[in-house]
Amino acid sequence: MKKSIAMKWVEALRSGEYRQTTSVLRNEDGIGHCCLGVLCELSPNQKNYMNLSRNKRKNEVLPLVVQKWAGMKTANGEFKYSAMPETALSGLNDNGDTFEQIADLIETYWKKL
């Protein structure tokens, strides 16, 4: 992942500006976001990213255009770190990790994303 984008993402996740939700990039009301949805909001495609998803399951992963812009290796933020053999930011978000916890991981492991 591109470091400059990762650090902006970390800042946004810690800002308190976004309400966390699960299973979708952004709620239909536009208020709740998953961690990947916050990244989408930072992208140049923020106004239409919900229409760009290649996933038919209610926009659960990054659209390809956002993934490429951020330099992410996977659409769900999958990476490896020592505490767990493999994981994905989308799963951590959906299983209850806070934006602050996810921001800590992004800040540390941005190169693996």
PDB file of N, CA and C in Angstrom:
ATOM      1  N   MET A   1       0.845  -1.173   0.000  1.00  0.00           N
ATOM      2  CA  MET A   1       0.000   0.000   0.000  1.00  0.00           C
ATOM      3  C   MET A   1       0.887   1.232   0.000  1.00  0.00           C
ATOM      4  N   LYS A   2       0.397   2.290  -0.597  1.00  0.00           N
ATOM      5  CA  LYS A   2       1.143   3.552  -0.615  1.00  0.00           C
ATOM      6  C   LYS A   2       1.144   4.175   0.788  1.00  0.00           C
ATOM      7  N   LYS A   3       2.330   4.525   1.271  1.00  0.00           N
ATOM      8  CA  LYS A   3       2.463   5.022   2.634  1.00  0.00           C
ATOM      9  C   LYS A   3       1.657   6.300   2.863  1.00  0.00           C
ATOM     10  N   SER A   4       1.705   7.222   1.933  1.00  0.00           N
ATOM     11  CA  SER A   4       0.998   8.496   2.134  1.00  0.00           C
ATOM     12  C   SER A   4      -0.507   8.271   2.295  1.00  0.00           C
ATOM     13  N   ILE A   5      -1.060   7.354   1.529  1.00  0.00           N
ATOM     14  CA  ILE A   5      -2.487   7.053   1.619  1.00  0.00           C
ATOM     15  C   ILE A   5      -2.782   6.308   2.918  1.00  0.00           C
ATOM     16  N   ALA A   6      -1.898   5.380   3.286  1.00  0.00           N
ATOM     17  CA  ALA A   6      -2.083   4.648   4.545  1.00  0.00           C
ATOM     18  C   ALA A   6      -2.138   5.599   5.735  1.00  0.00           C
ATOM     19  N   MET A   7      -1.259   6.581   5.762  1.00  0.00           N
ATOM     20  CA  MET A   7      -1.228   7.510   6.891  1.00  0.00           C
ATOM     21  C   MET A   7      -2.456   8.426   6.913  1.00  0.00           C
ATOM     22  N   LYS A   8      -2.972   8.804   5.745  1.00  0.00           N
ATOM     23  CA  LYS A   8      -4.218   9.583   5.690  1.00  0.00           C
ATOM     24  C   LYS A   8      -5.392   8.727   6.188  1.00  0.00           C
ATOM     25  N   TRP A   9      -5.357   7.450   5.842  1.00  0.00           N
ATOM     26  CA  TRP A   9      -6.401   6.518   6.264  1.00  0.00           C
ATOM     27  C   TRP A   9      -6.376   6.358   7.784  1.00  0.00           C
ATOM     28  N   VAL A  10      -5.182   6.187   8.340  1.00  0.00           N
ATOM     29  CA  VAL A  10      -5.014   6.071   9.788  1.00  0.00           C
ATOM     30  C   VAL A  10      -5.583   7.316  10.478  1.00  0.00           C
ATOM     31  N   GLU A  11      -5.250   8.468   9.959  1.00  0.00           N
ATOM     32  CA  GLU A  11      -5.735   9.725  10.522  1.00  0.00           C
ATOM     33  C   GLU A  11      -7.265   9.801  10.472  1.00  0.00           C
ATOM     34  N   ALA A  12      -7.830   9.398   9.351  1.00  0.00           N
ATOM     35  CA  ALA A  12      -9.290   9.431   9.197  1.00  0.00           C
ATOM     36  C   ALA A  12      -9.971   8.455  10.162  1.00  0.00           C
ATOM     37  N   LEU A  13      -9.406   7.269  10.319  1.00  0.00           N
ATOM     38  CA  LEU A  13      -9.991   6.289  11.230  1.00  0.00           C
ATOM     39  C   LEU A  13      -9.959   6.779  12.675  1.00  0.00           C
ATOM     40  N   ARG A  14      -8.938   7.524  13.030  1.00  0.00           N
ATOM     41  CA  ARG A  14      -8.793   8.032  14.402  1.00  0.00           C
ATOM     42  C   ARG A  14      -9.524   9.354  14.630  1.00  0.00           C
ATOM     43  N   SER A  15     -10.015   9.963  13.584  1.00  0.00           N
ATOM     44  CA  SER A  15     -10.584  11.309  13.670  1.00  0.00           C
ATOM     45  C   SER A  15     -11.895  11.399  14.443  1.00  0.00           C
ATOM     46  N   GLY A  16     -12.610  10.303  14.536  1.00  0.00           N
ATOM     47  CA  GLY A  16     -13.932  10.340  15.161  1.00  0.00           C
ATOM     48  C   GLY A  16     -15.021  10.835  14.226  1.00  0.00           C
ATOM     49  N   GLU A  17     -14.645  11.137  12.986  1.00  0.00           N
ATOM     50  CA  GLU A  17     -15.595  11.648  11.997  1.00  0.00           C
ATOM     51  C   GLU A  17     -16.517  10.560  11.452  1.00  0.00           C
ATOM     52  N   TYR A  18     -16.075   9.305  11.504  1.00  0.00           N
ATOM     53  CA  TYR A  18     -16.826   8.214  10.895  1.00  0.00           C
ATOM     54  C   TYR A  18     -17.392   7.277  11.961  1.00  0.00           C
ATOM     55  N   ARG A  19     -18.657   6.927  11.814  1.00  0.00           N
ATOM     56  CA  ARG A  19     -19.288   5.936  12.679  1.00  0.00           C
ATOM     57  C   ARG A  19     -19.031   4.564  12.067  1.00  0.00           C
ATOM     58  N   GLN A  20     -18.623   3.611  12.877  1.00  0.00           N
ATOM     59  CA  GLN A  20     -18.268   2.287  12.372  1.00  0.00           C
ATOM     60  C   GLN A  20     -19.502   1.413  12.183  1.00  0.00           C
ATOM     61  N   THR A  21     -19.504   0.686  11.078  1.00  0.00           N
ATOM     62  CA  THR A  21     -20.550  -0.286  10.797  1.00  0.00           C
ATOM     63  C   THR A  21     -19.874  -1.562  10.289  1.00  0.00           C
ATOM     64  N   THR A  22     -20.642  -2.580  10.016  1.00  0.00           N
ATOM     65  CA  THR A  22     -20.094  -3.846   9.538  1.00  0.00           C
ATOM     66  C   THR A  22     -20.790  -4.298   8.261  1.00  0.00           C
ATOM     67  N   SER A  23     -20.105  -5.159   7.532  1.00  0.00           N
ATOM     68  CA  SER A  23     -20.641  -5.884   6.370  1.00  0.00           C
ATOM     69  C   SER A  23     -20.884  -5.070   5.109  1.00  0.00           C
ATOM     70  N   VAL A  24     -20.717  -3.768   5.160  1.00  0.00           N
ATOM     71  CA  VAL A  24     -20.862  -2.917   3.977  1.00  0.00           C
ATOM     72  C   VAL A  24     -19.821  -1.799   4.041  1.00  0.00           C
ATOM     73  N   LEU A  25     -19.455  -1.278   2.883  1.00  0.00           N
ATOM     74  CA  LEU A  25     -18.523  -0.154   2.852  1.00  0.00           C
ATOM     75  C   LEU A  25     -19.140   1.064   3.523  1.00  0.00           C
ATOM     76  N   ARG A  26     -20.412   1.299   3.199  1.00  0.00           N
ATOM     77  CA  ARG A  26     -21.131   2.442   3.764  1.00  0.00           C
ATOM     78  C   ARG A  26     -22.605   2.068   3.868  1.00  0.00           C
ATOM     79  N   ASN A  27     -23.215   2.423   4.991  1.00  0.00           N
ATOM     80  CA  ASN A  27     -24.652   2.192   5.142  1.00  0.00           C
ATOM     81  C   ASN A  27     -25.414   2.974   4.086  1.00  0.00           C
ATOM     82  N   GLU A  28     -26.623   2.541   3.807  1.00  0.00           N
ATOM     83  CA  GLU A  28     -27.451   3.243   2.825  1.00  0.00           C
ATOM     84  C   GLU A  28     -27.725   4.681   3.237  1.00  0.00           C
ATOM     85  N   ASP A  29     -27.763   4.942   4.541  1.00  0.00           N
ATOM     86  CA  ASP A  29     -27.991   6.316   4.999  1.00  0.00           C
ATOM     87  C   ASP A  29     -26.723   7.166   4.913  1.00  0.00           C
ATOM     88  N   GLY A  30     -25.587   6.535   4.589  1.00  0.00           N
ATOM     89  CA  GLY A  30     -24.333   7.262   4.416  1.00  0.00           C
ATOM     90  C   GLY A  30     -23.635   7.646   5.702  1.00  0.00           C
ATOM     91  N   ILE A  31     -24.169   7.218   6.829  1.00  0.00           N
ATOM     92  CA  ILE A  31     -23.584   7.607   8.115  1.00  0.00           C
ATOM     93  C   ILE A  31     -22.532   6.603   8.576  1.00  0.00           C
ATOM     94  N   GLY A  32     -22.816   5.318   8.518  1.00  0.00           N
ATOM     95  CA  GLY A  32     -21.886   4.299   8.990  1.00  0.00           C
ATOM     96  C   GLY A  32     -20.968   3.794   7.889  1.00  0.00           C
ATOM     97  N   HIS A  33     -19.708   3.550   8.248  1.00  0.00           N
ATOM     98  CA  HIS A  33     -18.709   3.024   7.310  1.00  0.00           C
ATOM     99  C   HIS A  33     -17.939   1.887   7.970  1.00  0.00           C
ATOM    100  N   CYS A  34     -17.505   0.921   7.176  1.00  0.00           N
ATOM    101  CA  CYS A  34     -16.511  -0.016   7.671  1.00  0.00           C
ATOM    102  C   CYS A  34     -15.151   0.634   7.424  1.00  0.00           C
ATOM    103  N   CYS A  35     -14.089   0.010   7.906  1.00  0.00           N
ATOM    104  CA  CYS A  35     -12.767   0.614   7.725  1.00  0.00           C
ATOM    105  C   CYS A  35     -12.421   0.803   6.251  1.00  0.00           C
ATOM    106  N   LEU A  36     -12.834  -0.133   5.401  1.00  0.00           N
ATOM    107  CA  LEU A  36     -12.563  -0.001   3.968  1.00  0.00           C
ATOM    108  C   LEU A  36     -13.399   1.114   3.349  1.00  0.00           C
ATOM    109  N   GLY A  37     -14.590   1.327   3.861  1.00  0.00           N
ATOM    110  CA  GLY A  37     -15.429   2.424   3.396  1.00  0.00           C
ATOM    111  C   GLY A  37     -14.813   3.784   3.696  1.00  0.00           C
ATOM    112  N   VAL A  38     -14.119   3.883   4.828  1.00  0.00           N
ATOM    113  CA  VAL A  38     -13.424   5.132   5.150  1.00  0.00           C
ATOM    114  C   VAL A  38     -12.340   5.390   4.112  1.00  0.00           C
ATOM    115  N   LEU A  39     -11.611   4.351   3.717  1.00  0.00           N
ATOM    116  CA  LEU A  39     -10.598   4.511   2.666  1.00  0.00           C
ATOM    117  C   LEU A  39     -11.247   4.976   1.373  1.00  0.00           C
ATOM    118  N   CYS A  40     -12.387   4.417   1.030  1.00  0.00           N
ATOM    119  CA  CYS A  40     -13.103   4.844  -0.177  1.00  0.00           C
ATOM    120  C   CYS A  40     -13.455   6.325  -0.116  1.00  0.00           C
ATOM    121  N   GLU A  41     -13.844   6.805   1.050  1.00  0.00           N
ATOM    122  CA  GLU A  41     -14.207   8.214   1.208  1.00  0.00           C
ATOM    123  C   GLU A  41     -13.015   9.135   0.939  1.00  0.00           C
ATOM    124  N   LEU A  42     -11.809   8.638   1.153  1.00  0.00           N
ATOM    125  CA  LEU A  42     -10.602   9.435   0.922  1.00  0.00           C
ATOM    126  C   LEU A  42     -10.173   9.445  -0.543  1.00  0.00           C
ATOM    127  N   SER A  43     -10.691   8.517  -1.309  1.00  0.00           N
ATOM    128  CA  SER A  43     -10.257   8.353  -2.703  1.00  0.00           C
ATOM    129  C   SER A  43     -10.840   9.426  -3.614  1.00  0.00           C
ATOM    130  N   PRO A  44     -10.204   9.641  -4.773  1.00  0.00           N
ATOM    131  CA  PRO A  44     -10.751  10.587  -5.752  1.00  0.00           C
ATOM    132  C   PRO A  44     -12.124  10.149  -6.274  1.00  0.00           C
ATOM    133  N   ASN A  45     -12.467   8.880  -6.074  1.00  0.00           N
ATOM    134  CA  ASN A  45     -13.744   8.338  -6.544  1.00  0.00           C
ATOM    135  C   ASN A  45     -14.798   8.324  -5.450  1.00  0.00           C
ATOM    136  N   GLN A  46     -14.605   9.122  -4.421  1.00  0.00           N
ATOM    137  CA  GLN A  46     -15.476   9.064  -3.256  1.00  0.00           C
ATOM    138  C   GLN A  46     -16.948   9.305  -3.563  1.00  0.00           C
ATOM    139  N   LYS A  47     -17.265  10.103  -4.538  1.00  0.00           N
ATOM    140  CA  LYS A  47     -18.663  10.402  -4.812  1.00  0.00           C
ATOM    141  C   LYS A  47     -19.422   9.238  -5.440  1.00  0.00           C
ATOM    142  N   ASN A  48     -18.703   8.351  -6.104  1.00  0.00           N
ATOM    143  CA  ASN A  48     -19.409   7.264  -6.782  1.00  0.00           C
ATOM    144  C   ASN A  48     -18.862   5.877  -6.479  1.00  0.00           C
ATOM    145  N   TYR A  49     -18.096   5.715  -5.419  1.00  0.00           N
ATOM    146  CA  TYR A  49     -17.498   4.406  -5.171  1.00  0.00           C
ATOM    147  C   TYR A  49     -18.531   3.321  -4.912  1.00  0.00           C
ATOM    148  N   MET A  50     -19.683   3.673  -4.395  1.00  0.00           N
ATOM    149  CA  MET A  50     -20.693   2.647  -4.153  1.00  0.00           C
ATOM    150  C   MET A  50     -21.197   2.045  -5.461  1.00  0.00           C
ATOM    151  N   ASN A  51     -21.073   2.772  -6.540  1.00  0.00           N
ATOM    152  CA  ASN A  51     -21.497   2.266  -7.848  1.00  0.00           C
ATOM    153  C   ASN A  51     -20.380   1.538  -8.578  1.00  0.00           C
ATOM    154  N   LEU A  52     -19.168   1.567  -8.030  1.00  0.00           N
ATOM    155  CA  LEU A  52     -18.019   0.983  -8.710  1.00  0.00           C
ATOM    156  C   LEU A  52     -17.670  -0.417  -8.226  1.00  0.00           C
ATOM    157  N   SER A  53     -18.354  -0.901  -7.213  1.00  0.00           N
ATOM    158  CA  SER A  53     -17.983  -2.186  -6.625  1.00  0.00           C
ATOM    159  C   SER A  53     -18.152  -3.314  -7.616  1.00  0.00           C
ATOM    160  N   ARG A  54     -17.189  -4.229  -7.575  1.00  0.00           N
ATOM    161  CA  ARG A  54     -17.269  -5.415  -8.435  1.00  0.00           C
ATOM    162  C   ARG A  54     -17.884  -6.580  -7.673  1.00  0.00           C
ATOM    163  N   ASN A  55     -18.273  -6.326  -6.438  1.00  0.00           N
ATOM    164  CA  ASN A  55     -18.837  -7.367  -5.595  1.00  0.00           C
ATOM    165  C   ASN A  55     -20.347  -7.175  -5.516  1.00  0.00           C
ATOM    166  N   LYS A  56     -21.096  -8.199  -5.803  1.00  0.00           N
ATOM    167  CA  LYS A  56     -22.561  -8.090  -5.810  1.00  0.00           C
ATOM    168  C   LYS A  56     -23.146  -8.220  -4.413  1.00  0.00           C
ATOM    169  N   ARG A  57     -22.325  -8.508  -3.408  1.00  0.00           N
ATOM    170  CA  ARG A  57     -22.822  -8.700  -2.046  1.00  0.00           C
ATOM    171  C   ARG A  57     -22.824  -7.387  -1.270  1.00  0.00           C
ATOM    172  N   LYS A  58     -23.521  -6.403  -1.736  1.00  0.00           N
ATOM    173  CA  LYS A  58     -23.721  -5.121  -1.060  1.00  0.00           C
ATOM    174  C   LYS A  58     -22.423  -4.383  -0.744  1.00  0.00           C
ATOM    175  N   ASN A  59     -21.511  -4.356  -1.674  1.00  0.00           N
ATOM    176  CA  ASN A  59     -20.321  -3.531  -1.517  1.00  0.00           C
ATOM    177  C   ASN A  59     -19.535  -3.839  -0.246  1.00  0.00           C
ATOM    178  N   GLU A  60     -19.084  -5.069  -0.128  1.00  0.00           N
ATOM    179  CA  GLU A  60     -18.346  -5.500   1.054  1.00  0.00           C
ATOM    180  C   GLU A  60     -16.839  -5.344   0.913  1.00  0.00           C
ATOM    181  N   VAL A  61     -16.343  -5.174  -0.288  1.00  0.00           N
ATOM    182  CA  VAL A  61     -14.898  -5.051  -0.512  1.00  0.00           C
ATOM    183  C   VAL A  61     -14.614  -3.813  -1.360  1.00  0.00           C
ATOM    184  N   LEU A  62     -13.339  -3.447  -1.407  1.00  0.00           N
ATOM    185  CA  LEU A  62     -12.951  -2.263  -2.174  1.00  0.00           C
ATOM    186  C   LEU A  62     -13.235  -2.419  -3.656  1.00  0.00           C
ATOM    187  N   PRO A  63     -13.776  -1.406  -4.287  1.00  0.00           N
ATOM    188  CA  PRO A  63     -13.864  -1.419  -5.749  1.00  0.00           C
ATOM    189  C   PRO A  63     -12.434  -1.422  -6.299  1.00  0.00           C
ATOM    190  N   LEU A  64     -12.251  -2.017  -7.448  1.00  0.00           N
ATOM    191  CA  LEU A  64     -10.922  -2.137  -8.043  1.00  0.00           C
ATOM    192  C   LEU A  64     -10.256  -0.772  -8.216  1.00  0.00           C
ATOM    193  N   VAL A  65     -11.010   0.239  -8.605  1.00  0.00           N
ATOM    194  CA  VAL A  65     -10.433   1.566  -8.824  1.00  0.00           C
ATOM    195  C   VAL A  65      -9.854   2.134  -7.525  1.00  0.00           C
ATOM    196  N   VAL A  66     -10.496   1.903  -6.400  1.00  0.00           N
ATOM    197  CA  VAL A  66      -9.994   2.379  -5.105  1.00  0.00           C
ATOM    198  C   VAL A  66      -8.807   1.531  -4.677  1.00  0.00           C
ATOM    199  N   GLN A  67      -8.897   0.233  -4.872  1.00  0.00           N
ATOM    200  CA  GLN A  67      -7.792  -0.666  -4.528  1.00  0.00           C
ATOM    201  C   GLN A  67      -6.511  -0.264  -5.268  1.00  0.00           C
ATOM    202  N   LYS A  68      -6.627   0.012  -6.560  1.00  0.00           N
ATOM    203  CA  LYS A  68      -5.463   0.418  -7.353  1.00  0.00           C
ATOM    204  C   LYS A  68      -4.947   1.785  -6.930  1.00  0.00           C
ATOM    205  N   TRP A  69      -5.850   2.730  -6.679  1.00  0.00           N
ATOM    206  CA  TRP A  69      -5.454   4.074  -6.249  1.00  0.00           C
ATOM    207  C   TRP A  69      -4.629   4.008  -4.961  1.00  0.00           C
ATOM    208  N   ALA A  70      -5.064   3.173  -4.015  1.00  0.00           N
ATOM    209  CA  ALA A  70      -4.386   3.063  -2.723  1.00  0.00           C
ATOM    210  C   ALA A  70      -3.149   2.167  -2.783  1.00  0.00           C
ATOM    211  N   GLY A  71      -3.035   1.377  -3.848  1.00  0.00           N
ATOM    212  CA  GLY A  71      -1.918   0.443  -3.945  1.00  0.00           C
ATOM    213  C   GLY A  71      -2.097  -0.780  -3.062  1.00  0.00           C
ATOM    214  N   MET A  72      -3.349  -1.136  -2.783  1.00  0.00           N
ATOM    215  CA  MET A  72      -3.648  -2.288  -1.932  1.00  0.00           C
ATOM    216  C   MET A  72      -3.490  -3.575  -2.733  1.00  0.00           C
ATOM    217  N   LYS A  73      -2.951  -4.603  -2.102  1.00  0.00           N
ATOM    218  CA  LYS A  73      -2.750  -5.897  -2.760  1.00  0.00           C
ATOM    219  C   LYS A  73      -4.047  -6.679  -2.904  1.00  0.00           C
ATOM    220  N   THR A  74      -4.971  -6.493  -1.952  1.00  0.00           N
ATOM    221  CA  THR A  74      -6.237  -7.227  -1.993  1.00  0.00           C
ATOM    222  C   THR A  74      -7.410  -6.273  -1.785  1.00  0.00           C
ATOM    223  N   ALA A  75      -8.584  -6.727  -2.136  1.00  0.00           N
ATOM    224  CA  ALA A  75      -9.782  -5.900  -2.017  1.00  0.00           C
ATOM    225  C   ALA A  75     -10.368  -5.899  -0.608  1.00  0.00           C
ATOM    226  N   ASN A  76      -9.917  -6.820   0.244  1.00  0.00           N
ATOM    227  CA  ASN A  76     -10.443  -6.867   1.611  1.00  0.00           C
ATOM    228  C   ASN A  76      -9.401  -6.506   2.668  1.00  0.00           C
ATOM    229  N   GLY A  77      -8.221  -6.057   2.230  1.00  0.00           N
ATOM    230  CA  GLY A  77      -7.184  -5.648   3.171  1.00  0.00           C
ATOM    231  C   GLY A  77      -6.498  -6.822   3.851  1.00  0.00           C
ATOM    232  N   GLU A  78      -6.367  -7.919   3.130  1.00  0.00           N
ATOM    233  CA  GLU A  78      -5.727  -9.108   3.697  1.00  0.00           C
ATOM    234  C   GLU A  78      -4.224  -8.882   3.845  1.00  0.00           C
ATOM    235  N   PHE A  79      -3.682  -9.329   4.972  1.00  0.00           N
ATOM    236  CA  PHE A  79      -2.248  -9.222   5.207  1.00  0.00           C
ATOM    237  C   PHE A  79      -1.851 -10.240   6.269  1.00  0.00           C
ATOM    238  N   LYS A  80      -0.542 -10.416   6.434  1.00  0.00           N
ATOM    239  CA  LYS A  80      -0.010 -11.345   7.431  1.00  0.00           C
ATOM    240  C   LYS A  80       0.760 -10.540   8.476  1.00  0.00           C
ATOM    241  N   TYR A  81       0.611 -10.953   9.735  1.00  0.00           N
ATOM    242  CA  TYR A  81       1.442 -10.396  10.786  1.00  0.00           C
ATOM    243  C   TYR A  81       1.644 -11.463  11.852  1.00  0.00           C
ATOM    244  N   SER A  82       2.610 -11.251  12.709  1.00  0.00           N
ATOM    245  CA  SER A  82       3.083 -12.309  13.595  1.00  0.00           C
ATOM    246  C   SER A  82       2.027 -12.877  14.536  1.00  0.00           C
ATOM    247  N   ALA A  83       1.112 -12.079  15.019  1.00  0.00           N
ATOM    248  CA  ALA A  83       0.122 -12.572  15.977  1.00  0.00           C
ATOM    249  C   ALA A  83      -0.880 -13.547  15.340  1.00  0.00           C
ATOM    250  N   MET A  84      -1.087 -13.405  14.053  1.00  0.00           N
ATOM    251  CA  MET A  84      -2.010 -14.283  13.341  1.00  0.00           C
ATOM    252  C   MET A  84      -1.377 -14.619  12.000  1.00  0.00           C
ATOM    253  N   PRO A  85      -1.564 -15.829  11.524  1.00  0.00           N
ATOM    254  CA  PRO A  85      -0.933 -16.202  10.253  1.00  0.00           C
ATOM    255  C   PRO A  85      -1.454 -15.400   9.065  1.00  0.00           C
ATOM    256  N   GLU A  86      -2.720 -15.082   9.080  1.00  0.00           N
ATOM    257  CA  GLU A  86      -3.308 -14.326   7.982  1.00  0.00           C
ATOM    258  C   GLU A  86      -4.621 -13.727   8.451  1.00  0.00           C
ATOM    259  N   THR A  87      -4.904 -12.542   8.001  1.00  0.00           N
ATOM    260  CA  THR A  87      -6.161 -11.908   8.370  1.00  0.00           C
ATOM    261  C   THR A  87      -6.516 -10.855   7.336  1.00  0.00           C
ATOM    262  N   ALA A  88      -7.659 -10.244   7.493  1.00  0.00           N
ATOM    263  CA  ALA A  88      -8.092  -9.181   6.590  1.00  0.00           C
ATOM    264  C   ALA A  88      -8.724  -8.079   7.429  1.00  0.00           C
ATOM    265  N   LEU A  89      -8.488  -6.842   7.035  1.00  0.00           N
ATOM    266  CA  LEU A  89      -9.053  -5.711   7.755  1.00  0.00           C
ATOM    267  C   LEU A  89     -10.579  -5.774   7.762  1.00  0.00           C
ATOM    268  N   SER A  90     -11.167  -6.229   6.665  1.00  0.00           N
ATOM    269  CA  SER A  90     -12.631  -6.318   6.603  1.00  0.00           C
ATOM    270  C   SER A  90     -13.161  -7.265   7.679  1.00  0.00           C
ATOM    271  N   GLY A  91     -12.489  -8.398   7.865  1.00  0.00           N
ATOM    272  CA  GLY A  91     -12.905  -9.355   8.888  1.00  0.00           C
ATOM    273  C   GLY A  91     -12.708  -8.825  10.294  1.00  0.00           C
ATOM    274  N   LEU A  92     -11.586  -8.150  10.524  1.00  0.00           N
ATOM    275  CA  LEU A  92     -11.350  -7.554  11.839  1.00  0.00           C
ATOM    276  C   LEU A  92     -12.430  -6.529  12.163  1.00  0.00           C
ATOM    277  N   ASN A  93     -12.755  -5.693  11.183  1.00  0.00           N
ATOM    278  CA  ASN A  93     -13.804  -4.695  11.355  1.00  0.00           C
ATOM    279  C   ASN A  93     -15.128  -5.372  11.699  1.00  0.00           C
ATOM    280  N   ASP A  94     -15.484  -6.395  10.941  1.00  0.00           N
ATOM    281  CA  ASP A  94     -16.772  -7.051  11.132  1.00  0.00           C
ATOM    282  C   ASP A  94     -16.833  -7.876  12.414  1.00  0.00           C
ATOM    283  N   ASN A  95     -15.671  -8.245  12.956  1.00  0.00           N
ATOM    284  CA  ASN A  95     -15.631  -9.040  14.181  1.00  0.00           C
ATOM    285  C   ASN A  95     -15.423  -8.209  15.437  1.00  0.00           C
ATOM    286  N   GLY A  96     -15.502  -6.881  15.308  1.00  0.00           N
ATOM    287  CA  GLY A  96     -15.514  -6.049  16.493  1.00  0.00           C
ATOM    288  C   GLY A  96     -14.273  -5.242  16.806  1.00  0.00           C
ATOM    289  N   ASP A  97     -13.206  -5.345  16.002  1.00  0.00           N
ATOM    290  CA  ASP A  97     -12.062  -4.475  16.245  1.00  0.00           C
ATOM    291  C   ASP A  97     -12.488  -3.036  15.982  1.00  0.00           C
ATOM    292  N   THR A  98     -12.035  -2.120  16.806  1.00  0.00           N
ATOM    293  CA  THR A  98     -12.402  -0.710  16.657  1.00  0.00           C
ATOM    294  C   THR A  98     -11.580  -0.063  15.547  1.00  0.00           C
ATOM    295  N   PHE A  99     -12.015   1.105  15.119  1.00  0.00           N
ATOM    296  CA  PHE A  99     -11.232   1.863  14.140  1.00  0.00           C
ATOM    297  C   PHE A  99      -9.839   2.160  14.692  1.00  0.00           C
ATOM    298  N   GLU A 100      -9.727   2.430  15.965  1.00  0.00           N
ATOM    299  CA  GLU A 100      -8.426   2.714  16.574  1.00  0.00           C
ATOM    300  C   GLU A 100      -7.511   1.490  16.476  1.00  0.00           C
ATOM    301  N   GLN A 101      -8.030   0.307  16.763  1.00  0.00           N
ATOM    302  CA  GLN A 101      -7.239  -0.923  16.666  1.00  0.00           C
ATOM    303  C   GLN A 101      -6.821  -1.186  15.216  1.00  0.00           C
ATOM    304  N   ILE A 102      -7.734  -0.965  14.303  1.00  0.00           N
ATOM    305  CA  ILE A 102      -7.434  -1.171  12.890  1.00  0.00           C
ATOM    306  C   ILE A 102      -6.413  -0.144  12.415  1.00  0.00           C
ATOM    307  N   ALA A 103      -6.548   1.097  12.858  1.00  0.00           N
ATOM    308  CA  ALA A 103      -5.574   2.138  12.506  1.00  0.00           C
ATOM    309  C   ALA A 103      -4.176   1.756  12.991  1.00  0.00           C
ATOM    310  N   ASP A 104      -4.074   1.194  14.183  1.00  0.00           N
ATOM    311  CA  ASP A 104      -2.772   0.752  14.709  1.00  0.00           C
ATOM    312  C   ASP A 104      -2.145  -0.288  13.781  1.00  0.00           C
ATOM    313  N   LEU A 105      -2.962  -1.227  13.290  1.00  0.00           N
ATOM    314  CA  LEU A 105      -2.454  -2.260  12.381  1.00  0.00           C
ATOM    315  C   LEU A 105      -2.014  -1.664  11.045  1.00  0.00           C
ATOM    316  N   ILE A 106      -2.812  -0.765  10.503  1.00  0.00           N
ATOM    317  CA  ILE A 106      -2.465  -0.128   9.230  1.00  0.00           C
ATOM    318  C   ILE A 106      -1.161   0.649   9.378  1.00  0.00           C
ATOM    319  N   GLU A 107      -1.031   1.368  10.468  1.00  0.00           N
ATOM    320  CA  GLU A 107       0.171   2.175  10.717  1.00  0.00           C
ATOM    321  C   GLU A 107       1.414   1.301  10.791  1.00  0.00           C
ATOM    322  N   THR A 108       1.275   0.122  11.365  1.00  0.00           N
ATOM    323  CA  THR A 108       2.410  -0.791  11.516  1.00  0.00           C
ATOM    324  C   THR A 108       2.674  -1.633  10.275  1.00  0.00           C
ATOM    325  N   TYR A 109       1.625  -2.096   9.627  1.00  0.00           N
ATOM    326  CA  TYR A 109       1.771  -3.083   8.556  1.00  0.00           C
ATOM    327  C   TYR A 109       1.381  -2.564   7.167  1.00  0.00           C
ATOM    328  N   TRP A 110       1.415  -1.272   6.946  1.00  0.00           N
ATOM    329  CA  TRP A 110       0.978  -0.693   5.665  1.00  0.00           C
ATOM    330  C   TRP A 110       1.714  -1.305   4.471  1.00  0.00           C
ATOM    331  N   LYS A 111       2.967  -1.677   4.637  1.00  0.00           N
ATOM    332  CA  LYS A 111       3.722  -2.267   3.524  1.00  0.00           C
ATOM    333  C   LYS A 111       3.159  -3.613   3.087  1.00  0.00           C
ATOM    334  N   LYS A 112       2.521  -4.324   4.011  1.00  0.00           N
ATOM    335  CA  LYS A 112       1.979  -5.646   3.705  1.00  0.00           C
ATOM    336  C   LYS A 112       0.577  -5.584   3.102  1.00  0.00           C
ATOM    337  N   LEU A 113      -0.029  -4.424   3.209  1.00  0.00           N
ATOM    338  CA  LEU A 113      -1.378  -4.265   2.674  1.00  0.00           C
ATOM    339  C   LEU A 113      -1.317  -4.044   1.175  1.00  0.00           C
TER     340      LEU A 113
END
